Amino acid sequence: MQNLNRQHLKDEQLTNDWLKDNAITDKLFNETQVFQLQAYKASINILKHNVELLKTNEYELLTSYCKRILNSRQRRSITARNTYQILNISTRINRQLFKQYRKLK
């Protein structure tokens, strides 16, 4: 029984570390929908690694989405349309990166 409890605590710590590494708090994880978290993660990754591929209005859209999702009051006003805009930008960036990668081979 103690081994299960120990394993549970270890798994929980690993989960919390992964969420922290991906800029997601426990509260944010519990209060948001899955597709909003996916869009948040995609926007964070793009802003960290591929800013040069963004257009200016897309950069502003991603930064404002990140700010809005971190604020609990503003998070309620995020629509599915806003979230899918972020996911579409992420898809476009991933396609560009794949094309660049294919040219390298």
PDB file of N, CA and C in Angstrom:
ATOM      1  N   MET A   1       0.816  -1.192   0.000  1.00  0.00           N
ATOM      2  CA  MET A   1       0.000   0.000   0.000  1.00  0.00           C
ATOM      3  C   MET A   1       0.862   1.259   0.000  1.00  0.00           C
ATOM      4  N   GLN A   2       1.956   1.235   0.762  1.00  0.00           N
ATOM      5  CA  GLN A   2       2.822   2.397   0.805  1.00  0.00           C
ATOM      6  C   GLN A   2       3.530   2.617  -0.521  1.00  0.00           C
ATOM      7  N   ASN A   3       3.826   1.518  -1.228  1.00  0.00           N
ATOM      8  CA  ASN A   3       4.455   1.655  -2.536  1.00  0.00           C
ATOM      9  C   ASN A   3       3.537   2.374  -3.512  1.00  0.00           C
ATOM     10  N   LEU A   4       2.233   2.074  -3.452  1.00  0.00           N
ATOM     11  CA  LEU A   4       1.276   2.751  -4.316  1.00  0.00           C
ATOM     12  C   LEU A   4       1.189   4.234  -3.980  1.00  0.00           C
ATOM     13  N   ASN A   5       1.180   4.543  -2.704  1.00  0.00           N
ATOM     14  CA  ASN A   5       1.126   5.926  -2.270  1.00  0.00           C
ATOM     15  C   ASN A   5       2.386   6.680  -2.707  1.00  0.00           C
ATOM     16  N   ARG A   6       3.525   6.046  -2.545  1.00  0.00           N
ATOM     17  CA  ARG A   6       4.791   6.650  -2.969  1.00  0.00           C
ATOM     18  C   ARG A   6       4.813   6.872  -4.480  1.00  0.00           C
ATOM     19  N   GLN A   7       4.335   5.874  -5.213  1.00  0.00           N
ATOM     20  CA  GLN A   7       4.298   5.979  -6.675  1.00  0.00           C
ATOM     21  C   GLN A   7       3.345   7.087  -7.109  1.00  0.00           C
ATOM     22  N   HIS A   8       2.222   7.184  -6.410  1.00  0.00           N
ATOM     23  CA  HIS A   8       1.255   8.242  -6.722  1.00  0.00           C
ATOM     24  C   HIS A   8       1.877   9.622  -6.505  1.00  0.00           C
ATOM     25  N   LEU A   9       2.575   9.807  -5.403  1.00  0.00           N
ATOM     26  CA  LEU A   9       3.223  11.090  -5.132  1.00  0.00           C
ATOM     27  C   LEU A   9       4.306  11.398  -6.165  1.00  0.00           C
ATOM     28  N   LYS A  10       5.041  10.381  -6.547  1.00  0.00           N
ATOM     29  CA  LYS A  10       6.090  10.560  -7.560  1.00  0.00           C
ATOM     30  C   LYS A  10       5.480  10.943  -8.905  1.00  0.00           C
ATOM     31  N   ASP A  11       4.395  10.257  -9.288  1.00  0.00           N
ATOM     32  CA  ASP A  11       3.723  10.574 -10.546  1.00  0.00           C
ATOM     33  C   ASP A  11       3.129  11.978 -10.528  1.00  0.00           C
ATOM     34  N   GLU A  12       2.570  12.356  -9.401  1.00  0.00           N
ATOM     35  CA  GLU A  12       1.989  13.681  -9.277  1.00  0.00           C
ATOM     36  C   GLU A  12       3.071  14.761  -9.397  1.00  0.00           C
ATOM     37  N   GLN A  13       4.223  14.521  -8.796  1.00  0.00           N
ATOM     38  CA  GLN A  13       5.324  15.473  -8.889  1.00  0.00           C
ATOM     39  C   GLN A  13       5.831  15.596 -10.327  1.00  0.00           C
ATOM     40  N   LEU A  14       5.924  14.467 -11.023  1.00  0.00           N
ATOM     41  CA  LEU A  14       6.331  14.493 -12.431  1.00  0.00           C
ATOM     42  C   LEU A  14       5.348  15.279 -13.278  1.00  0.00           C
ATOM     43  N   THR A  15       4.065  15.078 -13.011  1.00  0.00           N
ATOM     44  CA  THR A  15       3.021  15.807 -13.734  1.00  0.00           C
ATOM     45  C   THR A  15       3.126  17.301 -13.467  1.00  0.00           C
ATOM     46  N   ASN A  16       3.280  17.667 -12.216  1.00  0.00           N
ATOM     47  CA  ASN A  16       3.394  19.086 -11.865  1.00  0.00           C
ATOM     48  C   ASN A  16       4.635  19.715 -12.491  1.00  0.00           C
ATOM     49  N   ASP A  17       5.730  18.987 -12.523  1.00  0.00           N
ATOM     50  CA  ASP A  17       6.948  19.495 -13.161  1.00  0.00           C
ATOM     51  C   ASP A  17       6.737  19.709 -14.654  1.00  0.00           C
ATOM     52  N   TRP A  18       6.056  18.758 -15.313  1.00  0.00           N
ATOM     53  CA  TRP A  18       5.786  18.888 -16.742  1.00  0.00           C
ATOM     54  C   TRP A  18       4.893  20.090 -17.022  1.00  0.00           C
ATOM     55  N   LEU A  19       3.853  20.260 -16.203  1.00  0.00           N
ATOM     56  CA  LEU A  19       2.970  21.411 -16.372  1.00  0.00           C
ATOM     57  C   LEU A  19       3.731  22.716 -16.167  1.00  0.00           C
ATOM     58  N   LYS A  20       4.592  22.747 -15.176  1.00  0.00           N
ATOM     59  CA  LYS A  20       5.377  23.950 -14.900  1.00  0.00           C
ATOM     60  C   LYS A  20       6.331  24.253 -16.057  1.00  0.00           C
ATOM     61  N   ASP A  21       6.961  23.216 -16.609  1.00  0.00           N
ATOM     62  CA  ASP A  21       7.856  23.404 -17.752  1.00  0.00           C
ATOM     63  C   ASP A  21       7.126  23.933 -18.974  1.00  0.00           C
ATOM     64  N   ASN A  22       5.845  23.630 -19.073  1.00  0.00           N
ATOM     65  CA  ASN A  22       5.044  24.072 -20.203  1.00  0.00           C
ATOM     66  C   ASN A  22       4.209  25.305 -19.885  1.00  0.00           C
ATOM     67  N   ALA A  23       4.560  26.006 -18.826  1.00  0.00           N
ATOM     68  CA  ALA A  23       3.935  27.274 -18.427  1.00  0.00           C
ATOM     69  C   ALA A  23       2.446  27.125 -18.140  1.00  0.00           C
ATOM     70  N   ILE A  24       2.067  26.009 -17.520  1.00  0.00           N
ATOM     71  CA  ILE A  24       0.667  25.767 -17.170  1.00  0.00           C
ATOM     72  C   ILE A  24       0.602  25.513 -15.671  1.00  0.00           C
ATOM     73  N   THR A  25      -0.186  26.322 -14.976  1.00  0.00           N
ATOM     74  CA  THR A  25      -0.356  26.124 -13.534  1.00  0.00           C
ATOM     75  C   THR A  25      -1.472  25.119 -13.287  1.00  0.00           C
ATOM     76  N   ASP A  26      -1.529  24.614 -12.069  1.00  0.00           N
ATOM     77  CA  ASP A  26      -2.592  23.670 -11.709  1.00  0.00           C
ATOM     78  C   ASP A  26      -3.965  24.312 -11.876  1.00  0.00           C
ATOM     79  N   LYS A  27      -4.094  25.536 -11.431  1.00  0.00           N
ATOM     80  CA  LYS A  27      -5.375  26.238 -11.518  1.00  0.00           C
ATOM     81  C   LYS A  27      -5.780  26.434 -12.978  1.00  0.00           C
ATOM     82  N   LEU A  28      -4.830  26.845 -13.802  1.00  0.00           N
ATOM     83  CA  LEU A  28      -5.104  27.027 -15.228  1.00  0.00           C
ATOM     84  C   LEU A  28      -5.513  25.704 -15.861  1.00  0.00           C
ATOM     85  N   PHE A  29      -4.842  24.640 -15.497  1.00  0.00           N
ATOM     86  CA  PHE A  29      -5.141  23.312 -16.036  1.00  0.00           C
ATOM     87  C   PHE A  29      -6.553  22.870 -15.669  1.00  0.00           C
ATOM     88  N   ASN A  30      -6.969  23.161 -14.460  1.00  0.00           N
ATOM     89  CA  ASN A  30      -8.289  22.729 -13.993  1.00  0.00           C
ATOM     90  C   ASN A  30      -9.423  23.589 -14.528  1.00  0.00           C
ATOM     91  N   GLU A  31      -9.156  24.853 -14.852  1.00  0.00           N
ATOM     92  CA  GLU A  31     -10.232  25.771 -15.221  1.00  0.00           C
ATOM     93  C   GLU A  31     -10.434  25.960 -16.718  1.00  0.00           C
ATOM     94  N   THR A  32      -9.512  25.514 -17.541  1.00  0.00           N
ATOM     95  CA  THR A  32      -9.640  25.762 -18.971  1.00  0.00           C
ATOM     96  C   THR A  32      -9.975  24.489 -19.722  1.00  0.00           C
ATOM     97  N   GLN A  33     -10.486  24.697 -20.924  1.00  0.00           N
ATOM     98  CA  GLN A  33     -10.818  23.566 -21.782  1.00  0.00           C
ATOM     99  C   GLN A  33      -9.563  23.095 -22.508  1.00  0.00           C
ATOM    100  N   VAL A  34      -9.609  21.876 -22.992  1.00  0.00           N
ATOM    101  CA  VAL A  34      -8.431  21.254 -23.590  1.00  0.00           C
ATOM    102  C   VAL A  34      -7.960  22.018 -24.821  1.00  0.00           C
ATOM    103  N   PHE A  35      -8.868  22.408 -25.700  1.00  0.00           N
ATOM    104  CA  PHE A  35      -8.441  23.094 -26.918  1.00  0.00           C
ATOM    105  C   PHE A  35      -7.846  24.465 -26.621  1.00  0.00           C
ATOM    106  N   GLN A  36      -8.265  25.089 -25.516  1.00  0.00           N
ATOM    107  CA  GLN A  36      -7.659  26.356 -25.123  1.00  0.00           C
ATOM    108  C   GLN A  36      -6.244  26.141 -24.616  1.00  0.00           C
ATOM    109  N   LEU A  37      -6.023  25.056 -23.886  1.00  0.00           N
ATOM    110  CA  LEU A  37      -4.673  24.731 -23.431  1.00  0.00           C
ATOM    111  C   LEU A  37      -3.761  24.398 -24.604  1.00  0.00           C
ATOM    112  N   GLN A  38      -4.287  23.706 -25.601  1.00  0.00           N
ATOM    113  CA  GLN A  38      -3.499  23.380 -26.787  1.00  0.00           C
ATOM    114  C   GLN A  38      -3.088  24.664 -27.511  1.00  0.00           C
ATOM    115  N   ALA A  39      -4.018  25.596 -27.636  1.00  0.00           N
ATOM    116  CA  ALA A  39      -3.706  26.859 -28.301  1.00  0.00           C
ATOM    117  C   ALA A  39      -2.705  27.667 -27.483  1.00  0.00           C
ATOM    118  N   TYR A  40      -2.839  27.644 -26.176  1.00  0.00           N
ATOM    119  CA  TYR A  40      -1.900  28.359 -25.310  1.00  0.00           C
ATOM    120  C   TYR A  40      -0.501  27.782 -25.454  1.00  0.00           C
ATOM    121  N   LYS A  41      -0.394  26.461 -25.432  1.00  0.00           N
ATOM    122  CA  LYS A  41       0.906  25.805 -25.571  1.00  0.00           C
ATOM    123  C   LYS A  41       1.517  26.106 -26.939  1.00  0.00           C
ATOM    124  N   ALA A  42       0.701  26.067 -27.980  1.00  0.00           N
ATOM    125  CA  ALA A  42       1.195  26.358 -29.327  1.00  0.00           C
ATOM    126  C   ALA A  42       1.680  27.802 -29.417  1.00  0.00           C
ATOM    127  N   SER A  43       0.933  28.728 -28.829  1.00  0.00           N
ATOM    128  CA  SER A  43       1.338  30.130 -28.895  1.00  0.00           C
ATOM    129  C   SER A  43       2.627  30.372 -28.115  1.00  0.00           C
ATOM    130  N   ILE A  44       2.782  29.735 -26.960  1.00  0.00           N
ATOM    131  CA  ILE A  44       4.017  29.862 -26.182  1.00  0.00           C
ATOM    132  C   ILE A  44       5.208  29.346 -26.987  1.00  0.00           C
ATOM    133  N   ASN A  45       5.045  28.180 -27.620  1.00  0.00           N
ATOM    134  CA  ASN A  45       6.137  27.607 -28.411  1.00  0.00           C
ATOM    135  C   ASN A  45       6.513  28.489 -29.588  1.00  0.00           C
ATOM    136  N   ILE A  46       5.528  29.025 -30.268  1.00  0.00           N
ATOM    137  CA  ILE A  46       5.813  29.899 -31.405  1.00  0.00           C
ATOM    138  C   ILE A  46       6.523  31.165 -30.944  1.00  0.00           C
ATOM    139  N   LEU A  47       6.045  31.741 -29.865  1.00  0.00           N
ATOM    140  CA  LEU A  47       6.666  32.969 -29.365  1.00  0.00           C
ATOM    141  C   LEU A  47       8.085  32.725 -28.861  1.00  0.00           C
ATOM    142  N   LYS A  48       8.367  31.536 -28.368  1.00  0.00           N
ATOM    143  CA  LYS A  48       9.712  31.223 -27.887  1.00  0.00           C
ATOM    144  C   LYS A  48      10.673  30.922 -29.033  1.00  0.00           C
ATOM    145  N   HIS A  49      10.212  30.159 -30.024  1.00  0.00           N
ATOM    146  CA  HIS A  49      11.145  29.589 -30.987  1.00  0.00           C
ATOM    147  C   HIS A  49      11.024  30.109 -32.419  1.00  0.00           C
ATOM    148  N   ASN A  50       9.863  30.601 -32.829  1.00  0.00           N
ATOM    149  CA  ASN A  50       9.655  30.921 -34.242  1.00  0.00           C
ATOM    150  C   ASN A  50       9.012  32.286 -34.467  1.00  0.00           C
ATOM    151  N   VAL A  51       9.405  33.268 -33.714  1.00  0.00           N
ATOM    152  CA  VAL A  51       8.814  34.605 -33.837  1.00  0.00           C
ATOM    153  C   VAL A  51       9.053  35.203 -35.216  1.00  0.00           C
ATOM    154  N   GLU A  52      10.185  34.874 -35.824  1.00  0.00           N
ATOM    155  CA  GLU A  52      10.539  35.473 -37.118  1.00  0.00           C
ATOM    156  C   GLU A  52       9.589  35.047 -38.238  1.00  0.00           C
ATOM    157  N   LEU A  53       8.830  33.988 -38.051  1.00  0.00           N
ATOM    158  CA  LEU A  53       7.898  33.524 -39.077  1.00  0.00           C
ATOM    159  C   LEU A  53       6.523  34.176 -38.972  1.00  0.00           C
ATOM    160  N   LEU A  54       6.317  34.961 -37.932  1.00  0.00           N
ATOM    161  CA  LEU A  54       5.018  35.586 -37.705  1.00  0.00           C
ATOM    162  C   LEU A  54       4.898  36.923 -38.417  1.00  0.00           C
ATOM    163  N   LYS A  55       3.674  37.248 -38.784  1.00  0.00           N
ATOM    164  CA  LYS A  55       3.357  38.591 -39.262  1.00  0.00           C
ATOM    165  C   LYS A  55       3.066  39.441 -38.027  1.00  0.00           C
ATOM    166  N   THR A  56       3.086  40.758 -38.171  1.00  0.00           N
ATOM    167  CA  THR A  56       2.940  41.626 -36.996  1.00  0.00           C
ATOM    168  C   THR A  56       1.592  41.441 -36.316  1.00  0.00           C
ATOM    169  N   ASN A  57       0.522  41.341 -37.090  1.00  0.00           N
ATOM    170  CA  ASN A  57      -0.787  41.173 -36.453  1.00  0.00           C
ATOM    171  C   ASN A  57      -0.893  39.809 -35.759  1.00  0.00           C
ATOM    172  N   GLU A  58      -0.214  38.799 -36.274  1.00  0.00           N
ATOM    173  CA  GLU A  58      -0.224  37.487 -35.642  1.00  0.00           C
ATOM    174  C   GLU A  58       0.552  37.509 -34.325  1.00  0.00           C
ATOM    175  N   TYR A  59       1.643  38.235 -34.298  1.00  0.00           N
ATOM    176  CA  TYR A  59       2.416  38.371 -33.064  1.00  0.00           C
ATOM    177  C   TYR A  59       1.554  39.007 -31.972  1.00  0.00           C
ATOM    178  N   GLU A  60       0.842  40.064 -32.331  1.00  0.00           N
ATOM    179  CA  GLU A  60      -0.025  40.738 -31.370  1.00  0.00           C
ATOM    180  C   GLU A  60      -1.157  39.820 -30.908  1.00  0.00           C
ATOM    181  N   LEU A  61      -1.695  39.045 -31.836  1.00  0.00           N
ATOM    182  CA  LEU A  61      -2.773  38.119 -31.507  1.00  0.00           C
ATOM    183  C   LEU A  61      -2.297  37.045 -30.526  1.00  0.00           C
ATOM    184  N   LEU A  62      -1.108  36.495 -30.760  1.00  0.00           N
ATOM    185  CA  LEU A  62      -0.569  35.463 -29.874  1.00  0.00           C
ATOM    186  C   LEU A  62      -0.259  36.014 -28.487  1.00  0.00           C
ATOM    187  N   THR A  63       0.365  37.170 -28.439  1.00  0.00           N
ATOM    188  CA  THR A  63       0.695  37.740 -27.127  1.00  0.00           C
ATOM    189  C   THR A  63      -0.568  38.104 -26.343  1.00  0.00           C
ATOM    190  N   SER A  64      -1.561  38.646 -27.022  1.00  0.00           N
ATOM    191  CA  SER A  64      -2.799  38.996 -26.311  1.00  0.00           C
ATOM    192  C   SER A  64      -3.537  37.737 -25.847  1.00  0.00           C
ATOM    193  N   TYR A  65      -3.486  36.667 -26.645  1.00  0.00           N
ATOM    194  CA  TYR A  65      -4.121  35.409 -26.230  1.00  0.00           C
ATOM    195  C   TYR A  65      -3.452  34.861 -24.978  1.00  0.00           C
ATOM    196  N   CYS A  66      -2.137  34.897 -24.949  1.00  0.00           N
ATOM    197  CA  CYS A  66      -1.411  34.410 -23.767  1.00  0.00           C
ATOM    198  C   CYS A  66      -1.765  35.217 -22.528  1.00  0.00           C
ATOM    199  N   LYS A  67      -1.857  36.525 -22.670  1.00  0.00           N
ATOM    200  CA  LYS A  67      -2.213  37.369 -21.529  1.00  0.00           C
ATOM    201  C   LYS A  67      -3.637  37.093 -21.071  1.00  0.00           C
ATOM    202  N   ARG A  68      -4.548  36.921 -22.039  1.00  0.00           N
ATOM    203  CA  ARG A  68      -5.950  36.699 -21.700  1.00  0.00           C
ATOM    204  C   ARG A  68      -6.180  35.348 -21.039  1.00  0.00           C
ATOM    205  N   ILE A  69      -5.448  34.341 -21.445  1.00  0.00           N
ATOM    206  CA  ILE A  69      -5.671  33.011 -20.866  1.00  0.00           C
ATOM    207  C   ILE A  69      -5.124  32.927 -19.444  1.00  0.00           C
ATOM    208  N   LEU A  70      -4.151  33.749 -19.117  1.00  0.00           N
ATOM    209  CA  LEU A  70      -3.599  33.748 -17.767  1.00  0.00           C
ATOM    210  C   LEU A  70      -4.470  34.515 -16.786  1.00  0.00           C
ATOM    211  N   ASN A  71      -5.330  35.393 -17.273  1.00  0.00           N
ATOM    212  CA  ASN A  71      -6.219  36.168 -16.427  1.00  0.00           C
ATOM    213  C   ASN A  71      -7.576  35.456 -16.376  1.00  0.00           C
ATOM    214  N   SER A  72      -8.015  35.082 -15.190  1.00  0.00           N
ATOM    215  CA  SER A  72      -9.236  34.270 -15.070  1.00  0.00           C
ATOM    216  C   SER A  72     -10.481  35.013 -15.557  1.00  0.00           C
ATOM    217  N   ARG A  73     -10.550  36.307 -15.369  1.00  0.00           N
ATOM    218  CA  ARG A  73     -11.718  37.057 -15.845  1.00  0.00           C
ATOM    219  C   ARG A  73     -11.729  37.152 -17.361  1.00  0.00           C
ATOM    220  N   GLN A  74     -10.573  37.424 -17.938  1.00  0.00           N
ATOM    221  CA  GLN A  74     -10.495  37.539 -19.389  1.00  0.00           C
ATOM    222  C   GLN A  74     -10.592  36.182 -20.067  1.00  0.00           C
ATOM    223  N   ARG A  75     -10.211  35.127 -19.378  1.00  0.00           N
ATOM    224  CA  ARG A  75     -10.271  33.778 -19.946  1.00  0.00           C
ATOM    225  C   ARG A  75     -11.697  33.401 -20.306  1.00  0.00           C
ATOM    226  N   ARG A  76     -12.656  33.873 -19.532  1.00  0.00           N
ATOM    227  CA  ARG A  76     -14.062  33.559 -19.800  1.00  0.00           C
ATOM    228  C   ARG A  76     -14.542  34.163 -21.114  1.00  0.00           C
ATOM    229  N   SER A  77     -13.910  35.259 -21.537  1.00  0.00           N
ATOM    230  CA  SER A  77     -14.348  35.928 -22.762  1.00  0.00           C
ATOM    231  C   SER A  77     -13.701  35.357 -24.022  1.00  0.00           C
ATOM    232  N   ILE A  78     -12.800  34.399 -23.872  1.00  0.00           N
ATOM    233  CA  ILE A  78     -12.159  33.788 -25.031  1.00  0.00           C
ATOM    234  C   ILE A  78     -13.160  32.862 -25.710  1.00  0.00           C
ATOM    235  N   THR A  79     -13.376  33.091 -26.989  1.00  0.00           N
ATOM    236  CA  THR A  79     -14.320  32.266 -27.739  1.00  0.00           C
ATOM    237  C   THR A  79     -13.576  31.141 -28.455  1.00  0.00           C
ATOM    238  N   ALA A  80     -14.342  30.213 -28.964  1.00  0.00           N
ATOM    239  CA  ALA A  80     -13.745  29.118 -29.742  1.00  0.00           C
ATOM    240  C   ALA A  80     -13.097  29.679 -31.006  1.00  0.00           C
ATOM    241  N   ARG A  81     -13.675  30.721 -31.563  1.00  0.00           N
ATOM    242  CA  ARG A  81     -13.110  31.350 -32.768  1.00  0.00           C
ATOM    243  C   ARG A  81     -11.712  31.890 -32.492  1.00  0.00           C
ATOM    244  N   ASN A  82     -11.530  32.562 -31.353  1.00  0.00           N
ATOM    245  CA  ASN A  82     -10.212  33.072 -30.973  1.00  0.00           C
ATOM    246  C   ASN A  82      -9.200  31.946 -30.852  1.00  0.00           C
ATOM    247  N   THR A  83      -9.633  30.874 -30.231  1.00  0.00           N
ATOM    248  CA  THR A  83      -8.742  29.736 -30.012  1.00  0.00           C
ATOM    249  C   THR A  83      -8.353  29.092 -31.332  1.00  0.00           C
ATOM    250  N   TYR A  84      -9.317  28.928 -32.232  1.00  0.00           N
ATOM    251  CA  TYR A  84      -9.009  28.299 -33.513  1.00  0.00           C
ATOM    252  C   TYR A  84      -8.132  29.188 -34.392  1.00  0.00           C
ATOM    253  N   GLN A  85      -8.212  30.502 -34.219  1.00  0.00           N
ATOM    254  CA  GLN A  85      -7.281  31.393 -34.928  1.00  0.00           C
ATOM    255  C   GLN A  85      -5.845  31.078 -34.511  1.00  0.00           C
ATOM    256  N   ILE A  86      -5.638  30.893 -33.226  1.00  0.00           N
ATOM    257  CA  ILE A  86      -4.306  30.574 -32.716  1.00  0.00           C
ATOM    258  C   ILE A  86      -3.836  29.227 -33.263  1.00  0.00           C
ATOM    259  N   LEU A  87      -4.721  28.240 -33.247  1.00  0.00           N
ATOM    260  CA  LEU A  87      -4.360  26.922 -33.750  1.00  0.00           C
ATOM    261  C   LEU A  87      -4.067  26.953 -35.253  1.00  0.00           C
ATOM    262  N   ASN A  88      -4.786  27.792 -36.008  1.00  0.00           N
ATOM    263  CA  ASN A  88      -4.520  27.928 -37.443  1.00  0.00           C
ATOM    264  C   ASN A  88      -3.161  28.571 -37.693  1.00  0.00           C
ATOM    265  N   ILE A  89      -2.808  29.552 -36.905  1.00  0.00           N
ATOM    266  CA  ILE A  89      -1.480  30.167 -37.022  1.00  0.00           C
ATOM    267  C   ILE A  89      -0.410  29.127 -36.725  1.00  0.00           C
ATOM    268  N   SER A  90      -0.634  28.341 -35.694  1.00  0.00           N
ATOM    269  CA  SER A  90       0.319  27.297 -35.336  1.00  0.00           C
ATOM    270  C   SER A  90       0.479  26.282 -36.465  1.00  0.00           C
ATOM    271  N   THR A  91      -0.607  25.907 -37.098  1.00  0.00           N
ATOM    272  CA  THR A  91      -0.548  24.963 -38.218  1.00  0.00           C
ATOM    273  C   THR A  91       0.246  25.547 -39.371  1.00  0.00           C
ATOM    274  N   ARG A  92       0.022  26.828 -39.664  1.00  0.00           N
ATOM    275  CA  ARG A  92       0.750  27.475 -40.752  1.00  0.00           C
ATOM    276  C   ARG A  92       2.249  27.527 -40.467  1.00  0.00           C
ATOM    277  N   ILE A  93       2.615  27.850 -39.244  1.00  0.00           N
ATOM    278  CA  ILE A  93       4.024  27.908 -38.858  1.00  0.00           C
ATOM    279  C   ILE A  93       4.651  26.518 -38.950  1.00  0.00           C
ATOM    280  N   ASN A  94       3.934  25.504 -38.492  1.00  0.00           N
ATOM    281  CA  ASN A  94       4.457  24.138 -38.563  1.00  0.00           C
ATOM    282  C   ASN A  94       4.659  23.692 -40.012  1.00  0.00           C
ATOM    283  N   ARG A  95       3.766  24.089 -40.896  1.00  0.00           N
ATOM    284  CA  ARG A  95       3.943  23.763 -42.313  1.00  0.00           C
ATOM    285  C   ARG A  95       5.189  24.432 -42.878  1.00  0.00           C
ATOM    286  N   GLN A  96       5.388  25.694 -42.519  1.00  0.00           N
ATOM    287  CA  GLN A  96       6.572  26.408 -42.990  1.00  0.00           C
ATOM    288  C   GLN A  96       7.841  25.737 -42.469  1.00  0.00           C
ATOM    289  N   LEU A  97       7.838  25.348 -41.220  1.00  0.00           N
ATOM    290  CA  LEU A  97       9.009  24.682 -40.644  1.00  0.00           C
ATOM    291  C   LEU A  97       9.270  23.343 -41.320  1.00  0.00           C
ATOM    292  N   PHE A  98       8.219  22.619 -41.632  1.00  0.00           N
ATOM    293  CA  PHE A  98       8.392  21.339 -42.305  1.00  0.00           C
ATOM    294  C   PHE A  98       8.974  21.534 -43.702  1.00  0.00           C
ATOM    295  N   LYS A  99       8.500  22.556 -44.413  1.00  0.00           N
ATOM    296  CA  LYS A  99       9.035  22.838 -45.749  1.00  0.00           C
ATOM    297  C   LYS A  99      10.511  23.204 -45.658  1.00  0.00           C
ATOM    298  N   GLN A 100      10.879  23.995 -44.674  1.00  0.00           N
ATOM    299  CA  GLN A 100      12.271  24.365 -44.488  1.00  0.00           C
ATOM    300  C   GLN A 100      13.114  23.120 -44.174  1.00  0.00           C
ATOM    301  N   TYR A 101      12.586  22.256 -43.351  1.00  0.00           N
ATOM    302  CA  TYR A 101      13.301  21.033 -42.988  1.00  0.00           C
ATOM    303  C   TYR A 101      13.497  20.125 -44.202  1.00  0.00           C
ATOM    304  N   ARG A 102      12.469  20.015 -45.041  1.00  0.00           N
ATOM    305  CA  ARG A 102      12.561  19.183 -46.233  1.00  0.00           C
ATOM    306  C   ARG A 102      13.596  19.714 -47.215  1.00  0.00           C
ATOM    307  N   LYS A 103      13.741  21.025 -47.303  1.00  0.00           N
ATOM    308  CA  LYS A 103      14.747  21.614 -48.196  1.00  0.00           C
ATOM    309  C   LYS A 103      16.148  21.315 -47.716  1.00  0.00           C
ATOM    310  N   LEU A 104      16.332  21.117 -46.416  1.00  0.00           N
ATOM    311  CA  LEU A 104      17.645  20.814 -45.874  1.00  0.00           C
ATOM    312  C   LEU A 104      18.105  19.420 -46.263  1.00  0.00           C
ATOM    313  N   LYS A 105      17.186  18.508 -46.433  1.00  0.00           N
ATOM    314  CA  LYS A 105      17.552  17.113 -46.777  1.00  0.00           C
ATOM    315  C   LYS A 105      17.978  16.963 -48.199  1.00  0.00           C
TER     316      LYS A 105
END
